[in-house]
């Protein structure tokens, strides 16, 4: 389930490594 949320965030978070950790944190 969390994998699906990582796909759209992966490309978006790639621009901001900070978001990469903040995005999956609240989602998880």
PDB file of N, CA and C in Angstrom:
ATOM      1  N   UNK A   1       0.848  -1.195   0.000  1.00  0.00           N
ATOM      2  CA  UNK A   1       0.000   0.000   0.000  1.00  0.00           C
ATOM      3  C   UNK A   1       0.890   1.253   0.000  1.00  0.00           C
ATOM      4  N   UNK A   2       1.858   1.272   0.890  1.00  0.00           N
ATOM      5  CA  UNK A   2       2.746   2.449   0.966  1.00  0.00           C
ATOM      6  C   UNK A   2       3.539   2.599  -0.323  1.00  0.00           C
ATOM      7  N   UNK A   3       3.761   1.480  -1.032  1.00  0.00           N
ATOM      8  CA  UNK A   3       4.531   1.531  -2.290  1.00  0.00           C
ATOM      9  C   UNK A   3       3.809   2.429  -3.302  1.00  0.00           C
ATOM     10  N   UNK A   4       2.479   2.338  -3.338  1.00  0.00           N
ATOM     11  CA  UNK A   4       1.710   3.136  -4.301  1.00  0.00           C
ATOM     12  C   UNK A   4       1.899   4.626  -4.050  1.00  0.00           C
ATOM     13  N   UNK A   5       2.064   4.977  -2.785  1.00  0.00           N
ATOM     14  CA  UNK A   5       2.224   6.395  -2.435  1.00  0.00           C
ATOM     15  C   UNK A   5       3.649   6.856  -2.721  1.00  0.00           C
ATOM     16  N   UNK A   6       4.568   5.910  -2.768  1.00  0.00           N
ATOM     17  CA  UNK A   6       5.979   6.262  -3.005  1.00  0.00           C
ATOM     18  C   UNK A   6       6.205   6.576  -4.483  1.00  0.00           C
ATOM     19  N   UNK A   7       5.469   5.911  -5.363  1.00  0.00           N
ATOM     20  CA  UNK A   7       5.642   6.118  -6.811  1.00  0.00           C
ATOM     21  C   UNK A   7       5.454   7.594  -7.186  1.00  0.00           C
ATOM     22  N   UNK A   8       4.313   8.204  -6.833  1.00  0.00           N
ATOM     23  CA  UNK A   8       4.083   9.610  -7.175  1.00  0.00           C
ATOM     24  C   UNK A   8       4.999  10.545  -6.397  1.00  0.00           C
ATOM     25  N   UNK A   9       5.389  10.113  -5.208  1.00  0.00           N
ATOM     26  CA  UNK A   9       6.263  10.945  -4.368  1.00  0.00           C
ATOM     27  C   UNK A   9       7.716  10.813  -4.813  1.00  0.00           C
ATOM     28  N   UNK A  10       8.072   9.640  -5.319  1.00  0.00           N
ATOM     29  CA  UNK A  10       9.453   9.375  -5.738  1.00  0.00           C
ATOM     30  C   UNK A  10       9.949  10.470  -6.675  1.00  0.00           C
ATOM     31  N   UNK A  11       9.186  10.718  -7.736  1.00  0.00           N
ATOM     32  CA  UNK A  11       9.587  11.744  -8.707  1.00  0.00           C
ATOM     33  C   UNK A  11       9.475  13.136  -8.100  1.00  0.00           C
ATOM     34  N   UNK A  12       8.473  13.335  -7.259  1.00  0.00           N
ATOM     35  CA  UNK A  12       8.252  14.648  -6.648  1.00  0.00           C
ATOM     36  C   UNK A  12       9.269  14.890  -5.535  1.00  0.00           C
ATOM     37  N   UNK A  13       9.552  13.842  -4.782  1.00  0.00           N
ATOM     38  CA  UNK A  13      10.505  13.961  -3.665  1.00  0.00           C
ATOM     39  C   UNK A  13      11.933  14.027  -4.198  1.00  0.00           C
ATOM     40  N   UNK A  14      12.161  13.427  -5.353  1.00  0.00           N
ATOM     41  CA  UNK A  14      13.516  13.436  -5.926  1.00  0.00           C
ATOM     42  C   UNK A  14      14.022  14.874  -6.025  1.00  0.00           C
ATOM     43  N   UNK A  15      13.133  15.800  -6.312  1.00  0.00           N
ATOM     44  CA  UNK A  15      13.546  17.208  -6.411  1.00  0.00           C
ATOM     45  C   UNK A  15      13.923  17.719  -5.021  1.00  0.00           C
ATOM     46  N   UNK A  16      13.255  17.186  -4.028  1.00  0.00           N
ATOM     47  CA  UNK A  16      13.531  17.598  -2.643  1.00  0.00           C
ATOM     48  C   UNK A  16      13.756  16.355  -1.777  1.00  0.00           C
ATOM     49  N   UNK A  17      14.999  16.026  -1.524  1.00  0.00           N
ATOM     50  CA  UNK A  17      15.286  14.827  -0.730  1.00  0.00           C
ATOM     51  C   UNK A  17      14.587  14.930   0.640  1.00  0.00           C
ATOM     52  N   UNK A  18      14.407  16.149   1.124  1.00  0.00           N
ATOM     53  CA  UNK A  18      13.762  16.342   2.432  1.00  0.00           C
ATOM     54  C   UNK A  18      12.340  15.762   2.420  1.00  0.00           C
ATOM     55  N   UNK A  19      11.606  16.020   1.338  1.00  0.00           N
ATOM     56  CA  UNK A  19      10.221  15.546   1.251  1.00  0.00           C
ATOM     57  C   UNK A  19      10.185  14.024   1.226  1.00  0.00           C
ATOM     58  N   UNK A  20      11.239  13.431   0.647  1.00  0.00           N
ATOM     59  CA  UNK A  20      11.268  11.967   0.525  1.00  0.00           C
ATOM     60  C   UNK A  20      11.071  11.312   1.899  1.00  0.00           C
ATOM     61  N   UNK A  21      11.656  11.922   2.919  1.00  0.00           N
ATOM     62  CA  UNK A  21      11.555  11.338   4.264  1.00  0.00           C
ATOM     63  C   UNK A  21      10.292  11.828   4.973  1.00  0.00           C
ATOM     64  N   UNK A  22       9.867  13.033   4.662  1.00  0.00           N
ATOM     65  CA  UNK A  22       8.685  13.602   5.329  1.00  0.00           C
ATOM     66  C   UNK A  22       7.394  13.041   4.730  1.00  0.00           C
ATOM     67  N   UNK A  23       7.415  12.723   3.444  1.00  0.00           N
ATOM     68  CA  UNK A  23       6.206  12.225   2.778  1.00  0.00           C
ATOM     69  C   UNK A  23       5.785  10.846   3.305  1.00  0.00           C
ATOM     70  N   UNK A  24       6.687   9.866   3.269  1.00  0.00           N
ATOM     71  CA  UNK A  24       6.350   8.512   3.731  1.00  0.00           C
ATOM     72  C   UNK A  24       6.169   8.445   5.245  1.00  0.00           C
ATOM     73  N   UNK A  25       6.682   9.416   5.947  1.00  0.00           N
ATOM     74  CA  UNK A  25       6.578   9.406   7.416  1.00  0.00           C
ATOM     75  C   UNK A  25       5.110   9.498   7.863  1.00  0.00           C
ATOM     76  N   UNK A  26       4.391  10.557   7.484  1.00  0.00           N
ATOM     77  CA  UNK A  26       2.992  10.724   7.880  1.00  0.00           C
ATOM     78  C   UNK A  26       2.096   9.680   7.219  1.00  0.00           C
ATOM     79  N   UNK A  27       2.446   9.289   5.995  1.00  0.00           N
ATOM     80  CA  UNK A  27       1.646   8.301   5.266  1.00  0.00           C
ATOM     81  C   UNK A  27       1.710   6.956   5.978  1.00  0.00           C
ATOM     82  N   UNK A  28       2.878   6.643   6.498  1.00  0.00           N
ATOM     83  CA  UNK A  28       3.064   5.351   7.157  1.00  0.00           C
ATOM     84  C   UNK A  28       2.387   5.399   8.524  1.00  0.00           C
TER      85      UNK A  28
END
